[in-house]
Amino acid sequence: MRQARFLLGWVDDNIATLTFANNQTGVPLTADQSVRLKQARATVRQRLVRHEPGNVINNKLPNEVQTHVSALQQSGAANAYWAEGWQVVMADLRQVCGIQPLIFVDHAEERVAAVNPDDAGDIAKVTLPLPTSINLQPQYDTMQKAWIIDTPNLNFQILAPYYGQVPTPATQAVPGQPAINQPEQSQLVFGFVVGAHNSFLQVAKFHGKYVLRDGNHRAYALLRRGISIVPALFREFGPHQELGVGPAGLLQAEAYLGERPPLLTDYLDDTVSIEVAVPAPQRIIVIPGLQLSQNK
């Protein structure tokens, strides 16, 4: 179980009931939970209709952020975003809408604990990180001939198939197998490239609303520390373009595109959100090797 903040004032009865019940079906709301839900919704209804301000983003970057962006460009980690028209801006997180009903907060603050709030370049290292190595401890199932990778990093995924020749290793990589020492030979390798795409804090203008497309946990932690003006990727989407975020785990569109959408600051507001304990998601990747014989 992990601690999370839940935007109670913008979810329907079904999502509220499932979240309070730790995703167990058939468990009704308690009387206290029903009252809390009604109060949060009433608070949202009493708000003024929101009109998007004109100072959410600023294209003028501090020198230290420009230096970081140059390093990011040289790394190639954000090439796909540059090709899609994203650019680096200074964004005011207090004016950006949230689109996820729930964000995990138990480890969020650890990621920004060492950030200097007066150094925009230091903040950029968190919001627009450079590539880093990933520490994994994969397991090998000798019976099934399969690699099993278990990680809490939901950005970790199978990136691409791989085929090529590699030198025969001096030591066999599979635990429990005898060592092989044939440095002069090479072997064919079929498999997959696995890894995690760099996750950047992304603000999108979508149907006239400034919304956070990615980076919710870091945004929450930064706001908790009183850091609101941060470097971020920004892109304006056309009227017929999709935001590119799957519907699973998102608020209904009418909630964040409506007249009283949730702001990122609402995750910290106890009148419209609440802290809950929910099951922790985990990413599991299985890469099997299957050998068959066939008569022709």
C-alpha atoms as a PDB file:
ATOM      1  CA  MET A   1       0.000   0.000   0.000  1.00  0.00           C
ATOM      2  CA  ARG A   2       1.152   3.520  -0.788  1.00  0.00           C
ATOM      3  CA  GLN A   3       0.027   6.939   0.354  1.00  0.00           C
ATOM      4  CA  ALA A   4      -1.600   9.121  -2.296  1.00  0.00           C
ATOM      5  CA  ARG A   5      -3.577  12.339  -2.639  1.00  0.00           C
ATOM      6  CA  PHE A   6      -7.029  11.919  -4.144  1.00  0.00           C
ATOM      7  CA  LEU A   7      -8.994  14.729  -5.884  1.00  0.00           C
ATOM      8  CA  LEU A   8     -12.270  13.913  -4.176  1.00  0.00           C
ATOM      9  CA  GLY A   9     -14.192  16.936  -5.443  1.00  0.00           C
ATOM     10  CA  TRP A  10     -13.946  15.971  -9.125  1.00  0.00           C
ATOM     11  CA  VAL A  11     -14.533  12.204  -9.249  1.00  0.00           C
ATOM     12  CA  ASP A  12     -17.753  10.280  -9.796  1.00  0.00           C
ATOM     13  CA  ASP A  13     -19.363   7.962  -7.248  1.00  0.00           C
ATOM     14  CA  ASN A  14     -17.815   4.830  -8.748  1.00  0.00           C
ATOM     15  CA  ILE A  15     -14.207   6.096  -8.634  1.00  0.00           C
ATOM     16  CA  ALA A  16     -14.695   7.485  -5.140  1.00  0.00           C
ATOM     17  CA  THR A  17     -16.146   4.211  -3.851  1.00  0.00           C
ATOM     18  CA  LEU A  18     -13.404   2.059  -5.402  1.00  0.00           C
ATOM     19  CA  THR A  19     -10.626   4.320  -4.114  1.00  0.00           C
ATOM     20  CA  PHE A  20     -11.939   4.414  -0.566  1.00  0.00           C
ATOM     21  CA  ALA A  21     -12.273   0.601  -0.690  1.00  0.00           C
ATOM     22  CA  ASN A  22      -8.707   0.039  -1.985  1.00  0.00           C
ATOM     23  CA  ASN A  23     -10.097  -1.025  -5.386  1.00  0.00           C
ATOM     24  CA  GLN A  24     -12.268  -3.752  -3.870  1.00  0.00           C
ATOM     25  CA  THR A  25     -15.671  -3.989  -5.529  1.00  0.00           C
ATOM     26  CA  GLY A  26     -18.909  -4.304  -3.607  1.00  0.00           C
ATOM     27  CA  VAL A  27     -17.754  -2.195  -0.632  1.00  0.00           C
ATOM     28  CA  PRO A  28     -20.093   0.812  -0.151  1.00  0.00           C
ATOM     29  CA  LEU A  29     -19.050   4.197   1.165  1.00  0.00           C
ATOM     30  CA  THR A  30     -19.293   4.683   4.888  1.00  0.00           C
ATOM     31  CA  ALA A  31     -21.434   7.508   6.256  1.00  0.00           C
ATOM     32  CA  ASP A  32     -18.318   9.602   6.979  1.00  0.00           C
ATOM     33  CA  GLN A  33     -16.944   9.010   3.485  1.00  0.00           C
ATOM     34  CA  SER A  34     -20.253  10.026   1.891  1.00  0.00           C
ATOM     35  CA  VAL A  35     -20.288  13.254   3.900  1.00  0.00           C
ATOM     36  CA  ARG A  36     -16.667  13.973   2.960  1.00  0.00           C
ATOM     37  CA  LEU A  37     -17.433  13.413  -0.731  1.00  0.00           C
ATOM     38  CA  LYS A  38     -20.458  15.738  -0.669  1.00  0.00           C
ATOM     39  CA  GLN A  39     -18.488  18.459   1.121  1.00  0.00           C
ATOM     40  CA  ALA A  40     -15.654  18.322  -1.426  1.00  0.00           C
ATOM     41  CA  ARG A  41     -18.069  18.536  -4.343  1.00  0.00           C
ATOM     42  CA  ALA A  42     -19.913  21.448  -2.721  1.00  0.00           C
ATOM     43  CA  THR A  43     -16.621  23.323  -2.299  1.00  0.00           C
ATOM     44  CA  VAL A  44     -15.872  22.894  -6.007  1.00  0.00           C
ATOM     45  CA  ARG A  45     -19.361  24.096  -7.030  1.00  0.00           C
ATOM     46  CA  GLN A  46     -18.933  27.238  -4.948  1.00  0.00           C
ATOM     47  CA  ARG A  47     -15.803  28.297  -6.829  1.00  0.00           C
ATOM     48  CA  LEU A  48     -15.842  31.028  -9.409  1.00  0.00           C
ATOM     49  CA  VAL A  49     -15.710  30.008 -13.052  1.00  0.00           C
ATOM     50  CA  ARG A  50     -12.041  29.803 -14.008  1.00  0.00           C
ATOM     51  CA  HIS A  51     -10.601  31.826 -16.871  1.00  0.00           C
ATOM     52  CA  GLU A  52      -7.084  30.842 -17.879  1.00  0.00           C
ATOM     53  CA  PRO A  53      -4.568  33.602 -17.029  1.00  0.00           C
ATOM     54  CA  GLY A  54      -1.990  34.801 -19.512  1.00  0.00           C
ATOM     55  CA  ASN A  55       1.045  34.350 -17.269  1.00  0.00           C
ATOM     56  CA  VAL A  56       1.110  30.570 -16.876  1.00  0.00           C
ATOM     57  CA  ILE A  57       4.239  30.174 -19.011  1.00  0.00           C
ATOM     58  CA  ASN A  58       7.218  32.410 -19.720  1.00  0.00           C
ATOM     59  CA  ASN A  59       9.499  31.795 -22.701  1.00  0.00           C
ATOM     60  CA  LYS A  60      12.395  33.721 -21.151  1.00  0.00           C
ATOM     61  CA  LEU A  61      14.746  31.213 -19.554  1.00  0.00           C
ATOM     62  CA  PRO A  62      17.344  32.008 -16.874  1.00  0.00           C
ATOM     63  CA  ASN A  63      20.916  31.462 -17.986  1.00  0.00           C
ATOM     64  CA  GLU A  64      21.333  28.424 -15.743  1.00  0.00           C
ATOM     65  CA  VAL A  65      18.286  26.792 -17.348  1.00  0.00           C
ATOM     66  CA  GLN A  66      19.614  27.509 -20.840  1.00  0.00           C
ATOM     67  CA  THR A  67      22.843  25.744 -19.851  1.00  0.00           C
ATOM     68  CA  HIS A  68      20.869  22.708 -18.691  1.00  0.00           C
ATOM     69  CA  VAL A  69      18.770  22.685 -21.875  1.00  0.00           C
ATOM     70  CA  SER A  70      21.958  22.660 -23.961  1.00  0.00           C
ATOM     71  CA  ALA A  71      23.133  19.577 -22.069  1.00  0.00           C
ATOM     72  CA  LEU A  72      19.720  17.980 -22.579  1.00  0.00           C
ATOM     73  CA  GLN A  73      19.890  18.639 -26.319  1.00  0.00           C
ATOM     74  CA  GLN A  74      23.359  17.133 -26.538  1.00  0.00           C
ATOM     75  CA  SER A  75      22.215  14.004 -24.670  1.00  0.00           C
ATOM     76  CA  GLY A  76      19.489  13.313 -27.232  1.00  0.00           C
ATOM     77  CA  ALA A  77      17.089  12.214 -24.462  1.00  0.00           C
ATOM     78  CA  ALA A  78      14.419  14.699 -25.539  1.00  0.00           C
ATOM     79  CA  ASN A  79      14.813  14.433 -29.316  1.00  0.00           C
ATOM     80  CA  ALA A  80      11.337  12.945 -29.749  1.00  0.00           C
ATOM     81  CA  TYR A  81       9.833  15.908 -27.898  1.00  0.00           C
ATOM     82  CA  TRP A  82      11.723  18.513 -29.934  1.00  0.00           C
ATOM     83  CA  ALA A  83      10.441  16.802 -33.092  1.00  0.00           C
ATOM     84  CA  GLU A  84       6.849  17.118 -31.835  1.00  0.00           C
ATOM     85  CA  GLY A  85       7.218  20.836 -31.184  1.00  0.00           C
ATOM     86  CA  TRP A  86       7.788  20.880 -27.430  1.00  0.00           C
ATOM     87  CA  GLN A  87       9.882  23.725 -26.044  1.00  0.00           C
ATOM     88  CA  VAL A  88      11.318  24.587 -22.641  1.00  0.00           C
ATOM     89  CA  VAL A  89       9.556  27.350 -20.701  1.00  0.00           C
ATOM     90  CA  MET A  90       9.248  28.561 -17.143  1.00  0.00           C
ATOM     91  CA  ALA A  91       5.825  27.416 -15.939  1.00  0.00           C
ATOM     92  CA  ASP A  92       3.808  28.533 -12.918  1.00  0.00           C
ATOM     93  CA  LEU A  93       2.592  25.272 -11.384  1.00  0.00           C
ATOM     94  CA  ARG A  94      -0.004  27.118  -9.312  1.00  0.00           C
ATOM     95  CA  GLN A  95      -1.911  27.915 -12.510  1.00  0.00           C
ATOM     96  CA  VAL A  96      -1.755  24.461 -14.111  1.00  0.00           C
ATOM     97  CA  CYS A  97      -4.648  21.979 -13.995  1.00  0.00           C
ATOM     98  CA  GLY A  98      -4.316  18.398 -12.819  1.00  0.00           C
ATOM     99  CA  ILE A  99      -5.761  15.551 -14.893  1.00  0.00           C
ATOM    100  CA  GLN A 100      -5.095  12.563 -12.607  1.00  0.00           C
ATOM    101  CA  PRO A 101      -7.568  11.832  -9.802  1.00  0.00           C
ATOM    102  CA  LEU A 102      -4.817  10.291  -7.703  1.00  0.00           C
ATOM    103  CA  ILE A 103      -1.065  10.813  -7.339  1.00  0.00           C
ATOM    104  CA  PHE A 104       1.351   8.947  -5.091  1.00  0.00           C
ATOM    105  CA  VAL A 105       3.052  11.199  -2.555  1.00  0.00           C
ATOM    106  CA  ASP A 106       4.925   8.853  -0.209  1.00  0.00           C
ATOM    107  CA  HIS A 107       8.283   9.172  -2.000  1.00  0.00           C
ATOM    108  CA  ALA A 108       7.644  12.309  -4.039  1.00  0.00           C
ATOM    109  CA  GLU A 109       9.363  14.733  -1.693  1.00  0.00           C
ATOM    110  CA  GLU A 110      12.547  12.661  -1.607  1.00  0.00           C
ATOM    111  CA  ARG A 111      13.145  13.544  -5.262  1.00  0.00           C
ATOM    112  CA  VAL A 112      13.242  17.286  -4.548  1.00  0.00           C
ATOM    113  CA  ALA A 113      14.656  17.301  -1.012  1.00  0.00           C
ATOM    114  CA  ALA A 114      18.109  18.453  -2.166  1.00  0.00           C
ATOM    115  CA  VAL A 115      16.891  21.024  -4.701  1.00  0.00           C
ATOM    116  CA  ASN A 116      18.019  24.613  -4.166  1.00  0.00           C
ATOM    117  CA  PRO A 117      14.764  26.617  -4.514  1.00  0.00           C
ATOM    118  CA  ASP A 118      16.731  29.698  -5.583  1.00  0.00           C
ATOM    119  CA  ASP A 119      18.560  27.943  -8.430  1.00  0.00           C
ATOM    120  CA  ALA A 120      16.394  27.355 -11.523  1.00  0.00           C
ATOM    121  CA  GLY A 121      19.142  25.211 -13.033  1.00  0.00           C
ATOM    122  CA  ASP A 122      19.038  22.933 -10.010  1.00  0.00           C
ATOM    123  CA  ILE A 123      15.249  22.659 -10.345  1.00  0.00           C
ATOM    124  CA  ALA A 124      15.679  21.803 -14.045  1.00  0.00           C
ATOM    125  CA  LYS A 125      17.740  18.747 -13.078  1.00  0.00           C
ATOM    126  CA  VAL A 126      14.548  17.363 -11.495  1.00  0.00           C
ATOM    127  CA  THR A 127      11.900  18.564 -13.929  1.00  0.00           C
ATOM    128  CA  LEU A 128      13.969  17.925 -17.093  1.00  0.00           C
ATOM    129  CA  PRO A 129      16.421  15.217 -16.000  1.00  0.00           C
ATOM    130  CA  LEU A 130      19.407  14.093 -18.008  1.00  0.00           C
ATOM    131  CA  PRO A 131      19.743  10.348 -18.730  1.00  0.00           C
ATOM    132  CA  THR A 132      20.881   8.222 -15.801  1.00  0.00           C
ATOM    133  CA  SER A 133      21.680   4.553 -15.342  1.00  0.00           C
ATOM    134  CA  ILE A 134      19.008   2.239 -13.924  1.00  0.00           C
ATOM    135  CA  ASN A 135      19.845  -0.217 -11.173  1.00  0.00           C
ATOM    136  CA  LEU A 136      17.948  -3.478 -11.723  1.00  0.00           C
ATOM    137  CA  GLN A 137      18.068  -6.904 -10.132  1.00  0.00           C
ATOM    138  CA  PRO A 138      16.525  -9.238 -12.731  1.00  0.00           C
ATOM    139  CA  GLN A 139      15.724 -12.838 -11.916  1.00  0.00           C
ATOM    140  CA  TYR A 140      16.226 -15.782 -14.240  1.00  0.00           C
ATOM    141  CA  ASP A 141      13.752 -18.681 -14.196  1.00  0.00           C
ATOM    142  CA  THR A 142      15.790 -21.714 -15.258  1.00  0.00           C
ATOM    143  CA  MET A 143      12.713 -23.901 -15.682  1.00  0.00           C
ATOM    144  CA  GLN A 144      10.853 -21.480 -17.948  1.00  0.00           C
ATOM    145  CA  LYS A 145      14.040 -20.034 -19.491  1.00  0.00           C
ATOM    146  CA  ALA A 146      12.765 -16.530 -18.839  1.00  0.00           C
ATOM    147  CA  TRP A 147      14.142 -13.285 -17.481  1.00  0.00           C
ATOM    148  CA  ILE A 148      11.825 -11.572 -14.981  1.00  0.00           C
ATOM    149  CA  ILE A 149      12.226  -7.875 -14.200  1.00  0.00           C
ATOM    150  CA  ASP A 150      10.195  -6.475 -11.314  1.00  0.00           C
ATOM    151  CA  THR A 151      10.388  -2.718 -10.687  1.00  0.00           C
ATOM    152  CA  PRO A 152       8.221   0.054  -9.189  1.00  0.00           C
ATOM    153  CA  ASN A 153       9.307   2.325 -12.059  1.00  0.00           C
ATOM    154  CA  LEU A 154       6.236   2.381 -14.321  1.00  0.00           C
ATOM    155  CA  ASN A 155       8.259   4.160 -17.018  1.00  0.00           C
ATOM    156  CA  PHE A 156      10.377   1.038 -17.443  1.00  0.00           C
ATOM    157  CA  GLN A 157       9.309  -0.919 -20.518  1.00  0.00           C
ATOM    158  CA  ILE A 158      10.317  -2.995 -23.530  1.00  0.00           C
ATOM    159  CA  LEU A 159      11.687  -0.425 -25.966  1.00  0.00           C
ATOM    160  CA  ALA A 160      12.590  -2.412 -29.078  1.00  0.00           C
ATOM    161  CA  PRO A 161      13.486  -5.878 -30.408  1.00  0.00           C
ATOM    162  CA  TYR A 162      17.192  -6.633 -30.737  1.00  0.00           C
ATOM    163  CA  TYR A 163      19.229  -8.925 -32.976  1.00  0.00           C
ATOM    164  CA  GLY A 164      22.976  -8.961 -33.402  1.00  0.00           C
ATOM    165  CA  GLN A 165      26.309 -10.666 -32.870  1.00  0.00           C
ATOM    166  CA  VAL A 166      28.216 -10.157 -29.640  1.00  0.00           C
ATOM    167  CA  PRO A 167      31.529 -11.578 -28.378  1.00  0.00           C
ATOM    168  CA  THR A 168      31.165 -14.749 -26.335  1.00  0.00           C
ATOM    169  CA  PRO A 169      31.360 -13.633 -22.692  1.00  0.00           C
ATOM    170  CA  ALA A 170      34.141 -14.989 -20.529  1.00  0.00           C
ATOM    171  CA  THR A 171      31.591 -15.625 -17.755  1.00  0.00           C
ATOM    172  CA  GLN A 172      28.090 -16.909 -18.398  1.00  0.00           C
ATOM    173  CA  ALA A 173      25.442 -14.338 -17.401  1.00  0.00           C
ATOM    174  CA  VAL A 174      22.859 -16.896 -16.286  1.00  0.00           C
ATOM    175  CA  PRO A 175      23.131 -17.816 -12.587  1.00  0.00           C
ATOM    176  CA  GLY A 176      23.897 -21.450 -11.950  1.00  0.00           C
ATOM    177  CA  GLN A 177      25.374 -22.119 -15.398  1.00  0.00           C
ATOM    178  CA  PRO A 178      29.047 -23.025 -15.937  1.00  0.00           C
ATOM    179  CA  ALA A 179      31.439 -20.351 -17.057  1.00  0.00           C
ATOM    180  CA  ILE A 180      32.356 -20.168 -20.733  1.00  0.00           C
ATOM    181  CA  ASN A 181      35.690 -18.826 -21.865  1.00  0.00           C
ATOM    182  CA  GLN A 182      35.758 -18.391 -25.642  1.00  0.00           C
ATOM    183  CA  PRO A 183      36.843 -14.786 -26.236  1.00  0.00           C
ATOM    184  CA  GLU A 184      37.738 -15.369 -29.881  1.00  0.00           C
ATOM    185  CA  GLN A 185      34.207 -16.353 -30.914  1.00  0.00           C
ATOM    186  CA  SER A 186      30.935 -14.502 -31.245  1.00  0.00           C
ATOM    187  CA  GLN A 187      27.334 -15.515 -30.685  1.00  0.00           C
ATOM    188  CA  LEU A 188      23.992 -14.518 -32.119  1.00  0.00           C
ATOM    189  CA  VAL A 189      21.755 -12.714 -29.647  1.00  0.00           C
ATOM    190  CA  PHE A 190      18.004 -12.285 -30.058  1.00  0.00           C
ATOM    191  CA  GLY A 191      16.112 -10.338 -27.443  1.00  0.00           C
ATOM    192  CA  PHE A 192      14.744  -6.970 -26.476  1.00  0.00           C
ATOM    193  CA  VAL A 193      16.086  -3.612 -25.436  1.00  0.00           C
ATOM    194  CA  VAL A 194      14.538  -2.613 -22.118  1.00  0.00           C
ATOM    195  CA  GLY A 195      14.753   0.701 -20.340  1.00  0.00           C
ATOM    196  CA  ALA A 196      12.892   3.762 -19.145  1.00  0.00           C
ATOM    197  CA  HIS A 197      12.199   6.812 -21.248  1.00  0.00           C
ATOM    198  CA  ASN A 198      13.197  10.006 -19.484  1.00  0.00           C
ATOM    199  CA  SER A 199      10.155  11.437 -17.752  1.00  0.00           C
ATOM    200  CA  PHE A 200       9.912  15.199 -18.135  1.00  0.00           C
ATOM    201  CA  LEU A 201       7.534  17.621 -16.450  1.00  0.00           C
ATOM    202  CA  GLN A 202       5.192  18.561 -19.316  1.00  0.00           C
ATOM    203  CA  VAL A 203       2.634  21.365 -19.453  1.00  0.00           C
ATOM    204  CA  ALA A 204       0.226  21.267 -22.386  1.00  0.00           C
ATOM    205  CA  LYS A 205      -2.333  23.787 -23.552  1.00  0.00           C
ATOM    206  CA  PHE A 206      -5.270  21.563 -24.415  1.00  0.00           C
ATOM    207  CA  HIS A 207      -8.650  22.930 -25.489  1.00  0.00           C
ATOM    208  CA  GLY A 208      -7.708  26.254 -23.923  1.00  0.00           C
ATOM    209  CA  LYS A 209      -6.639  24.761 -20.577  1.00  0.00           C
ATOM    210  CA  TYR A 210      -3.115  24.500 -19.211  1.00  0.00           C
ATOM    211  CA  VAL A 211      -2.822  20.906 -17.945  1.00  0.00           C
ATOM    212  CA  LEU A 212       0.012  18.821 -16.564  1.00  0.00           C
ATOM    213  CA  ARG A 213       0.610  15.961 -18.990  1.00  0.00           C
ATOM    214  CA  ASP A 214       3.448  14.318 -17.035  1.00  0.00           C
ATOM    215  CA  GLY A 215       5.439  14.949 -13.870  1.00  0.00           C
ATOM    216  CA  ASN A 216       2.613  15.005 -11.308  1.00  0.00           C
ATOM    217  CA  HIS A 217       4.620  13.627  -8.391  1.00  0.00           C
ATOM    218  CA  ARG A 218       7.460  16.087  -8.874  1.00  0.00           C
ATOM    219  CA  ALA A 219       5.016  18.965  -9.292  1.00  0.00           C
ATOM    220  CA  TYR A 220       3.310  18.031  -6.031  1.00  0.00           C
ATOM    221  CA  ALA A 221       6.622  17.783  -4.173  1.00  0.00           C
ATOM    222  CA  LEU A 222       7.871  21.092  -5.570  1.00  0.00           C
ATOM    223  CA  LEU A 223       4.679  22.868  -4.556  1.00  0.00           C
ATOM    224  CA  ARG A 224       4.958  21.332  -1.092  1.00  0.00           C
ATOM    225  CA  ARG A 225       8.350  23.011  -0.806  1.00  0.00           C
ATOM    226  CA  GLY A 226       6.946  26.327  -2.012  1.00  0.00           C
ATOM    227  CA  ILE A 227       8.617  26.066  -5.435  1.00  0.00           C
ATOM    228  CA  SER A 228       6.099  27.050  -8.091  1.00  0.00           C
ATOM    229  CA  ILE A 229       7.988  28.606 -11.044  1.00  0.00           C
ATOM    230  CA  VAL A 230       9.838  25.748 -12.702  1.00  0.00           C
ATOM    231  CA  PRO A 231      11.418  24.766 -16.046  1.00  0.00           C
ATOM    232  CA  ALA A 232       9.096  22.499 -18.026  1.00  0.00           C
ATOM    233  CA  LEU A 233       8.374  21.269 -21.513  1.00  0.00           C
ATOM    234  CA  PHE A 234       5.453  23.067 -23.135  1.00  0.00           C
ATOM    235  CA  ARG A 235       3.379  22.461 -26.225  1.00  0.00           C
ATOM    236  CA  GLU A 236       0.039  23.766 -27.470  1.00  0.00           C
ATOM    237  CA  PHE A 237      -2.233  21.097 -28.948  1.00  0.00           C
ATOM    238  CA  GLY A 238      -4.572  21.783 -31.861  1.00  0.00           C
ATOM    239  CA  PRO A 239      -8.357  21.403 -31.527  1.00  0.00           C
ATOM    240  CA  HIS A 240      -8.326  17.985 -33.200  1.00  0.00           C
ATOM    241  CA  GLN A 241      -5.159  16.602 -31.598  1.00  0.00           C
ATOM    242  CA  GLU A 242      -5.197  14.051 -28.792  1.00  0.00           C
ATOM    243  CA  LEU A 243      -3.335  14.738 -25.576  1.00  0.00           C
ATOM    244  CA  GLY A 244      -1.594  11.384 -25.972  1.00  0.00           C
ATOM    245  CA  VAL A 245      -2.292  10.136 -22.462  1.00  0.00           C
ATOM    246  CA  GLY A 246      -4.277   6.925 -22.067  1.00  0.00           C
ATOM    247  CA  PRO A 247      -7.716   7.233 -20.475  1.00  0.00           C
ATOM    248  CA  ALA A 248      -6.879   4.828 -17.653  1.00  0.00           C
ATOM    249  CA  GLY A 249      -6.241   6.697 -14.427  1.00  0.00           C
ATOM    250  CA  LEU A 250      -7.407  10.088 -15.685  1.00  0.00           C
ATOM    251  CA  LEU A 251     -10.218  12.309 -14.559  1.00  0.00           C
ATOM    252  CA  GLN A 252     -13.148  12.568 -16.922  1.00  0.00           C
ATOM    253  CA  ALA A 253     -12.441  15.216 -19.557  1.00  0.00           C
ATOM    254  CA  GLU A 254     -15.365  17.365 -18.453  1.00  0.00           C
ATOM    255  CA  ALA A 255     -13.735  17.645 -15.023  1.00  0.00           C
ATOM    256  CA  TYR A 256     -10.403  19.136 -16.107  1.00  0.00           C
ATOM    257  CA  LEU A 257     -11.781  20.948 -19.169  1.00  0.00           C
ATOM    258  CA  GLY A 258     -14.829  22.290 -17.330  1.00  0.00           C
ATOM    259  CA  GLU A 259     -15.518  25.658 -15.736  1.00  0.00           C
ATOM    260  CA  ARG A 260     -14.014  24.724 -12.352  1.00  0.00           C
ATOM    261  CA  PRO A 261     -11.103  22.374 -13.083  1.00  0.00           C
ATOM    262  CA  PRO A 262      -8.734  21.109 -10.389  1.00  0.00           C
ATOM    263  CA  LEU A 263      -5.408  22.905 -10.113  1.00  0.00           C
ATOM    264  CA  LEU A 264      -2.202  21.194  -9.044  1.00  0.00           C
ATOM    265  CA  THR A 265      -2.466  23.103  -5.775  1.00  0.00           C
ATOM    266  CA  ASP A 266      -5.734  21.269  -5.082  1.00  0.00           C
ATOM    267  CA  TYR A 267      -3.806  18.075  -4.346  1.00  0.00           C
ATOM    268  CA  LEU A 268      -2.609  19.925  -1.237  1.00  0.00           C
ATOM    269  CA  ASP A 269      -6.034  21.346  -0.335  1.00  0.00           C
ATOM    270  CA  ASP A 270      -7.853  19.276   2.304  1.00  0.00           C
ATOM    271  CA  THR A 271     -11.217  20.823   1.423  1.00  0.00           C
ATOM    272  CA  VAL A 272     -11.271  19.174  -2.015  1.00  0.00           C
ATOM    273  CA  SER A 273      -8.732  16.333  -1.759  1.00  0.00           C
ATOM    274  CA  ILE A 274      -7.856  13.676   0.767  1.00  0.00           C
ATOM    275  CA  GLU A 275      -4.960  11.377   1.605  1.00  0.00           C
ATOM    276  CA  VAL A 276      -5.669   7.696   0.985  1.00  0.00           C
ATOM    277  CA  ALA A 277      -3.749   4.425   1.047  1.00  0.00           C
ATOM    278  CA  VAL A 278      -4.014   2.489  -2.215  1.00  0.00           C
ATOM    279  CA  PRO A 279      -2.373  -0.642  -3.656  1.00  0.00           C
ATOM    280  CA  ALA A 280       1.085   0.059  -5.055  1.00  0.00           C
ATOM    281  CA  PRO A 281       1.444  -0.549  -8.802  1.00  0.00           C
ATOM    282  CA  GLN A 282       4.417  -2.536 -10.043  1.00  0.00           C
ATOM    283  CA  ARG A 283       5.906  -3.037 -13.510  1.00  0.00           C
ATOM    284  CA  ILE A 284       6.785  -6.659 -14.333  1.00  0.00           C
ATOM    285  CA  ILE A 285       8.523  -7.539 -17.588  1.00  0.00           C
ATOM    286  CA  VAL A 286       8.948 -11.183 -18.602  1.00  0.00           C
ATOM    287  CA  ILE A 287      11.296 -12.068 -21.460  1.00  0.00           C
ATOM    288  CA  PRO A 288      10.958 -15.810 -22.224  1.00  0.00           C
ATOM    289  CA  GLY A 289      12.997 -18.047 -24.460  1.00  0.00           C
ATOM    290  CA  LEU A 290      10.881 -20.728 -26.130  1.00  0.00           C
ATOM    291  CA  GLN A 291      12.402 -23.616 -28.126  1.00  0.00           C
ATOM    292  CA  LEU A 292      10.138 -25.816 -30.320  1.00  0.00           C
ATOM    293  CA  SER A 293      10.610 -28.636 -32.766  1.00  0.00           C
ATOM    294  CA  GLN A 294       8.415 -29.077 -35.817  1.00  0.00           C
ATOM    295  CA  ASN A 295       8.096 -31.845 -38.387  1.00  0.00           C
ATOM    296  CA  LYS A 296       7.595 -30.691 -41.957  1.00  0.00           C
END
